[in-house]
Amino acid sequence: MYKAILENINGVEIWPVIGLVIFFVFFVGVLIWAFRLKKEEVDHMANIPLEDGDEHFKNGDLSNG
């Protein structure tokens, strides 16, 4: 049923290609972002689950970042 409907829609064959291109561009963008990170940033992010969360209060910084 769906096959018959999709076969009769004009221009439907371009949507899988567009989806693949969007996924590929996003994936490459994340790879570039990950490889450009500094080692200090990666180490900091790796230790976030192990931290108490009191560092911001000890430093007097009440911001969320």
PDB file of N, CA and C in Angstrom:
ATOM      1  N   MET A   1       0.820  -1.189   0.000  1.00  0.00           N
ATOM      2  CA  MET A   1       0.000   0.000   0.000  1.00  0.00           C
ATOM      3  C   MET A   1       0.868   1.259   0.000  1.00  0.00           C
ATOM      4  N   TYR A   2       1.826   1.320   0.923  1.00  0.00           N
ATOM      5  CA  TYR A   2       2.685   2.504   0.994  1.00  0.00           C
ATOM      6  C   TYR A   2       3.564   2.620  -0.240  1.00  0.00           C
ATOM      7  N   LYS A   3       3.975   1.479  -0.762  1.00  0.00           N
ATOM      8  CA  LYS A   3       4.818   1.493  -1.955  1.00  0.00           C
ATOM      9  C   LYS A   3       4.073   2.135  -3.123  1.00  0.00           C
ATOM     10  N   ALA A   4       2.815   1.797  -3.291  1.00  0.00           N
ATOM     11  CA  ALA A   4       2.021   2.367  -4.376  1.00  0.00           C
ATOM     12  C   ALA A   4       1.839   3.867  -4.191  1.00  0.00           C
ATOM     13  N   ILE A   5       1.648   4.282  -2.958  1.00  0.00           N
ATOM     14  CA  ILE A   5       1.477   5.715  -2.688  1.00  0.00           C
ATOM     15  C   ILE A   5       2.774   6.461  -2.979  1.00  0.00           C
ATOM     16  N   LEU A   6       3.893   5.919  -2.489  1.00  0.00           N
ATOM     17  CA  LEU A   6       5.173   6.597  -2.673  1.00  0.00           C
ATOM     18  C   LEU A   6       5.629   6.598  -4.131  1.00  0.00           C
ATOM     19  N   GLU A   7       5.233   5.593  -4.895  1.00  0.00           N
ATOM     20  CA  GLU A   7       5.606   5.561  -6.312  1.00  0.00           C
ATOM     21  C   GLU A   7       4.895   6.644  -7.107  1.00  0.00           C
ATOM     22  N   ASN A   8       3.760   7.093  -6.643  1.00  0.00           N
ATOM     23  CA  ASN A   8       2.979   8.087  -7.376  1.00  0.00           C
ATOM     24  C   ASN A   8       3.275   9.523  -6.963  1.00  0.00           C
ATOM     25  N   ILE A   9       4.136   9.722  -5.980  1.00  0.00           N
ATOM     26  CA  ILE A   9       4.488  11.071  -5.550  1.00  0.00           C
ATOM     27  C   ILE A   9       5.669  11.548  -6.384  1.00  0.00           C
ATOM     28  N   ASN A  10       5.524  12.686  -7.009  1.00  0.00           N
ATOM     29  CA  ASN A  10       6.610  13.233  -7.818  1.00  0.00           C
ATOM     30  C   ASN A  10       7.701  13.807  -6.927  1.00  0.00           C
ATOM     31  N   GLY A  11       8.942  13.498  -7.229  1.00  0.00           N
ATOM     32  CA  GLY A  11      10.074  14.058  -6.511  1.00  0.00           C
ATOM     33  C   GLY A  11      10.387  13.396  -5.188  1.00  0.00           C
ATOM     34  N   VAL A  12       9.754  12.266  -4.879  1.00  0.00           N
ATOM     35  CA  VAL A  12       9.982  11.628  -3.585  1.00  0.00           C
ATOM     36  C   VAL A  12      11.359  10.972  -3.513  1.00  0.00           C
ATOM     37  N   GLU A  13      11.954  10.666  -4.636  1.00  0.00           N
ATOM     38  CA  GLU A  13      13.241   9.960  -4.628  1.00  0.00           C
ATOM     39  C   GLU A  13      14.397  10.832  -4.143  1.00  0.00           C
ATOM     40  N   ILE A  14      14.212  12.131  -4.038  1.00  0.00           N
ATOM     41  CA  ILE A  14      15.283  13.023  -3.598  1.00  0.00           C
ATOM     42  C   ILE A  14      15.401  13.055  -2.072  1.00  0.00           C
ATOM     43  N   TRP A  15      14.351  12.734  -1.331  1.00  0.00           N
ATOM     44  CA  TRP A  15      14.366  12.855   0.132  1.00  0.00           C
ATOM     45  C   TRP A  15      15.361  11.923   0.821  1.00  0.00           C
ATOM     46  N   PRO A  16      15.518  10.672   0.397  1.00  0.00           N
ATOM     47  CA  PRO A  16      16.574   9.857   1.023  1.00  0.00           C
ATOM     48  C   PRO A  16      17.972  10.429   0.797  1.00  0.00           C
ATOM     49  N   VAL A  17      18.203  10.997  -0.354  1.00  0.00           N
ATOM     50  CA  VAL A  17      19.508  11.601  -0.642  1.00  0.00           C
ATOM     51  C   VAL A  17      19.722  12.820   0.252  1.00  0.00           C
ATOM     52  N   ILE A  18      18.701  13.637   0.401  1.00  0.00           N
ATOM     53  CA  ILE A  18      18.805  14.814   1.266  1.00  0.00           C
ATOM     54  C   ILE A  18      19.055  14.387   2.710  1.00  0.00           C
ATOM     55  N   GLY A  19      18.354  13.361   3.172  1.00  0.00           N
ATOM     56  CA  GLY A  19      18.562  12.859   4.527  1.00  0.00           C
ATOM     57  C   GLY A  19      19.971  12.340   4.738  1.00  0.00           C
ATOM     58  N   LEU A  20      20.495  11.627   3.754  1.00  0.00           N
ATOM     59  CA  LEU A  20      21.861  11.108   3.846  1.00  0.00           C
ATOM     60  C   LEU A  20      22.878  12.242   3.870  1.00  0.00           C
ATOM     61  N   VAL A  21      22.677  13.253   3.049  1.00  0.00           N
ATOM     62  CA  VAL A  21      23.602  14.391   3.018  1.00  0.00           C
ATOM     63  C   VAL A  21      23.573  15.144   4.351  1.00  0.00           C
ATOM     64  N   ILE A  22      22.388  15.366   4.902  1.00  0.00           N
ATOM     65  CA  ILE A  22      22.285  16.057   6.193  1.00  0.00           C
ATOM     66  C   ILE A  22      22.990  15.250   7.278  1.00  0.00           C
ATOM     67  N   PHE A  23      22.769  13.937   7.311  1.00  0.00           N
ATOM     68  CA  PHE A  23      23.434  13.091   8.300  1.00  0.00           C
ATOM     69  C   PHE A  23      24.941  13.137   8.128  1.00  0.00           C
ATOM     70  N   PHE A  24      25.420  13.033   6.902  1.00  0.00           N
ATOM     71  CA  PHE A  24      26.858  13.019   6.639  1.00  0.00           C
ATOM     72  C   PHE A  24      27.506  14.340   7.056  1.00  0.00           C
ATOM     73  N   VAL A  25      26.881  15.456   6.718  1.00  0.00           N
ATOM     74  CA  VAL A  25      27.425  16.768   7.088  1.00  0.00           C
ATOM     75  C   VAL A  25      27.461  16.921   8.609  1.00  0.00           C
ATOM     76  N   PHE A  26      26.409  16.506   9.283  1.00  0.00           N
ATOM     77  CA  PHE A  26      26.375  16.585  10.746  1.00  0.00           C
ATOM     78  C   PHE A  26      27.456  15.693  11.357  1.00  0.00           C
ATOM     79  N   PHE A  27      27.598  14.473  10.848  1.00  0.00           N
ATOM     80  CA  PHE A  27      28.592  13.529  11.360  1.00  0.00           C
ATOM     81  C   PHE A  27      30.002  14.070  11.172  1.00  0.00           C
ATOM     82  N   VAL A  28      30.307  14.600  10.007  1.00  0.00           N
ATOM     83  CA  VAL A  28      31.631  15.172   9.751  1.00  0.00           C
ATOM     84  C   VAL A  28      31.855  16.392  10.641  1.00  0.00           C
ATOM     85  N   GLY A  29      30.827  17.203  10.846  1.00  0.00           N
ATOM     86  CA  GLY A  29      30.954  18.359  11.731  1.00  0.00           C
ATOM     87  C   GLY A  29      31.281  17.957  13.159  1.00  0.00           C
ATOM     88  N   VAL A  30      30.633  16.916  13.655  1.00  0.00           N
ATOM     89  CA  VAL A  30      30.922  16.438  15.010  1.00  0.00           C
ATOM     90  C   VAL A  30      32.333  15.871  15.083  1.00  0.00           C
ATOM     91  N   LEU A  31      32.762  15.160  14.054  1.00  0.00           N
ATOM     92  CA  LEU A  31      34.137  14.642  14.033  1.00  0.00           C
ATOM     93  C   LEU A  31      35.158  15.777  14.063  1.00  0.00           C
ATOM     94  N   ILE A  32      34.939  16.798  13.262  1.00  0.00           N
ATOM     95  CA  ILE A  32      35.862  17.942  13.241  1.00  0.00           C
ATOM     96  C   ILE A  32      35.887  18.617  14.608  1.00  0.00           C
ATOM     97  N   TRP A  33      34.709  18.814  15.211  1.00  0.00           N
ATOM     98  CA  TRP A  33      34.639  19.424  16.544  1.00  0.00           C
ATOM     99  C   TRP A  33      35.396  18.580  17.567  1.00  0.00           C
ATOM    100  N   ALA A  34      35.217  17.259  17.507  1.00  0.00           N
ATOM    101  CA  ALA A  34      35.856  16.377  18.489  1.00  0.00           C
ATOM    102  C   ALA A  34      37.375  16.370  18.337  1.00  0.00           C
ATOM    103  N   PHE A  35      37.860  16.379  17.110  1.00  0.00           N
ATOM    104  CA  PHE A  35      39.307  16.347  16.906  1.00  0.00           C
ATOM    105  C   PHE A  35      39.971  17.688  17.200  1.00  0.00           C
ATOM    106  N   ARG A  36      39.214  18.774  17.192  1.00  0.00           N
ATOM    107  CA  ARG A  36      39.788  20.092  17.472  1.00  0.00           C
ATOM    108  C   ARG A  36      39.788  20.435  18.957  1.00  0.00           C
ATOM    109  N   LEU A  37      39.166  19.597  19.787  1.00  0.00           N
ATOM    110  CA  LEU A  37      39.149  19.857  21.224  1.00  0.00           C
ATOM    111  C   LEU A  37      40.552  19.754  21.800  1.00  0.00           C
ATOM    112  N   LYS A  38      40.808  20.598  22.760  1.00  0.00           N
ATOM    113  CA  LYS A  38      42.091  20.551  23.457  1.00  0.00           C
ATOM    114  C   LYS A  38      42.042  19.450  24.508  1.00  0.00           C
ATOM    115  N   LYS A  39      43.201  18.909  24.825  1.00  0.00           N
ATOM    116  CA  LYS A  39      43.273  17.817  25.791  1.00  0.00           C
ATOM    117  C   LYS A  39      42.738  18.243  27.155  1.00  0.00           C
ATOM    118  N   GLU A  40      42.961  19.490  27.540  1.00  0.00           N
ATOM    119  CA  GLU A  40      42.470  19.968  28.828  1.00  0.00           C
ATOM    120  C   GLU A  40      40.942  19.946  28.876  1.00  0.00           C
ATOM    121  N   GLU A  41      40.307  20.340  27.767  1.00  0.00           N
ATOM    122  CA  GLU A  41      38.850  20.331  27.717  1.00  0.00           C
ATOM    123  C   GLU A  41      38.304  18.912  27.817  1.00  0.00           C
ATOM    124  N   VAL A  42      38.950  17.989  27.122  1.00  0.00           N
ATOM    125  CA  VAL A  42      38.510  16.595  27.153  1.00  0.00           C
ATOM    126  C   VAL A  42      38.672  16.025  28.558  1.00  0.00           C
ATOM    127  N   ASP A  43      39.794  16.315  29.201  1.00  0.00           N
ATOM    128  CA  ASP A  43      40.013  15.835  30.565  1.00  0.00           C
ATOM    129  C   ASP A  43      38.981  16.416  31.524  1.00  0.00           C
ATOM    130  N   HIS A  44      38.671  17.701  31.354  1.00  0.00           N
ATOM    131  CA  HIS A  44      37.665  18.336  32.207  1.00  0.00           C
ATOM    132  C   HIS A  44      36.298  17.671  32.011  1.00  0.00           C
ATOM    133  N   MET A  45      35.899  17.449  30.760  1.00  0.00           N
ATOM    134  CA  MET A  45      34.610  16.816  30.494  1.00  0.00           C
ATOM    135  C   MET A  45      34.584  15.374  30.998  1.00  0.00           C
ATOM    136  N   ALA A  46      35.723  14.688  30.938  1.00  0.00           N
ATOM    137  CA  ALA A  46      35.779  13.308  31.418  1.00  0.00           C
ATOM    138  C   ALA A  46      35.616  13.236  32.926  1.00  0.00           C
ATOM    139  N   ASN A  47      36.030  14.279  33.641  1.00  0.00           N
ATOM    140  CA  ASN A  47      35.960  14.273  35.100  1.00  0.00           C
ATOM    141  C   ASN A  47      34.664  14.856  35.651  1.00  0.00           C
ATOM    142  N   ILE A  48      33.812  15.399  34.813  1.00  0.00           N
ATOM    143  CA  ILE A  48      32.571  16.018  35.290  1.00  0.00           C
ATOM    144  C   ILE A  48      31.709  15.042  36.099  1.00  0.00           C
ATOM    145  N   PRO A  49      31.511  13.794  35.665  1.00  0.00           N
ATOM    146  CA  PRO A  49      30.683  12.887  36.478  1.00  0.00           C
ATOM    147  C   PRO A  49      31.296  12.561  37.838  1.00  0.00           C
ATOM    148  N   LEU A  50      32.592  12.732  37.993  1.00  0.00           N
ATOM    149  CA  LEU A  50      33.267  12.386  39.237  1.00  0.00           C
ATOM    150  C   LEU A  50      33.354  13.550  40.212  1.00  0.00           C
ATOM    151  N   GLU A  51      33.050  14.758  39.754  1.00  0.00           N
ATOM    152  CA  GLU A  51      33.171  15.940  40.600  1.00  0.00           C
ATOM    153  C   GLU A  51      31.981  16.058  41.543  1.00  0.00           C
ATOM    154  N   ASP A  52      32.215  16.755  42.656  1.00  0.00           N
ATOM    155  CA  ASP A  52      31.168  16.989  43.644  1.00  0.00           C
ATOM    156  C   ASP A  52      30.134  17.995  43.167  1.00  0.00           C
ATOM    157  N   GLY A  53      30.585  18.981  42.442  1.00  0.00           N
ATOM    158  CA  GLY A  53      29.699  20.048  42.010  1.00  0.00           C
ATOM    159  C   GLY A  53      29.797  21.268  42.897  1.00  0.00           C
ATOM    160  N   ASP A  54      30.679  21.242  43.881  1.00  0.00           N
ATOM    161  CA  ASP A  54      30.833  22.365  44.800  1.00  0.00           C
ATOM    162  C   ASP A  54      31.877  23.371  44.338  1.00  0.00           C
ATOM    163  N   GLU A  55      32.549  23.106  43.235  1.00  0.00           N
ATOM    164  CA  GLU A  55      33.626  23.992  42.788  1.00  0.00           C
ATOM    165  C   GLU A  55      33.124  25.395  42.488  1.00  0.00           C
ATOM    166  N   HIS A  56      31.945  25.504  41.915  1.00  0.00           N
ATOM    167  CA  HIS A  56      31.412  26.822  41.571  1.00  0.00           C
ATOM    168  C   HIS A  56      31.079  27.617  42.832  1.00  0.00           C
ATOM    169  N   PHE A  57      30.603  26.934  43.855  1.00  0.00           N
ATOM    170  CA  PHE A  57      30.257  27.625  45.091  1.00  0.00           C
ATOM    171  C   PHE A  57      31.509  28.021  45.868  1.00  0.00           C
ATOM    172  N   LYS A  58      32.545  27.204  45.807  1.00  0.00           N
ATOM    173  CA  LYS A  58      33.787  27.518  46.508  1.00  0.00           C
ATOM    174  C   LYS A  58      34.466  28.742  45.906  1.00  0.00           C
ATOM    175  N   ASN A  59      34.349  28.877  44.582  1.00  0.00           N
ATOM    176  CA  ASN A  59      34.984  29.995  43.895  1.00  0.00           C
ATOM    177  C   ASN A  59      34.116  31.246  43.909  1.00  0.00           C
ATOM    178  N   GLY A  60      32.917  31.155  44.430  1.00  0.00           N
ATOM    179  CA  GLY A  60      32.024  32.302  44.442  1.00  0.00           C
ATOM    180  C   GLY A  60      31.304  32.497  43.127  1.00  0.00           C
ATOM    181  N   ASP A  61      31.437  31.552  42.225  1.00  0.00           N
ATOM    182  CA  ASP A  61      30.804  31.636  40.912  1.00  0.00           C
ATOM    183  C   ASP A  61      29.473  30.895  40.968  1.00  0.00           C
ATOM    184  N   LEU A  62      28.386  31.628  40.875  1.00  0.00           N
ATOM    185  CA  LEU A  62      27.069  31.013  40.939  1.00  0.00           C
ATOM    186  C   LEU A  62      26.450  30.838  39.566  1.00  0.00           C
ATOM    187  N   SER A  63      27.212  31.084  38.517  1.00  0.00           N
ATOM    188  CA  SER A  63      26.671  30.935  37.168  1.00  0.00           C
ATOM    189  C   SER A  63      26.523  29.457  36.839  1.00  0.00           C
ATOM    190  N   ASN A  64      25.815  29.195  35.767  1.00  0.00           N
ATOM    191  CA  ASN A  64      25.532  27.821  35.367  1.00  0.00           C
ATOM    192  C   ASN A  64      26.547  27.313  34.360  1.00  0.00           C
ATOM    193  N   GLY A  65      27.707  27.819  34.285  1.00  0.00           N
ATOM    194  CA  GLY A  65      28.659  27.354  33.293  1.00  0.00           C
ATOM    195  C   GLY A  65      30.002  27.557  33.774  1.00  0.00           C
TER     196      GLY A  65
END
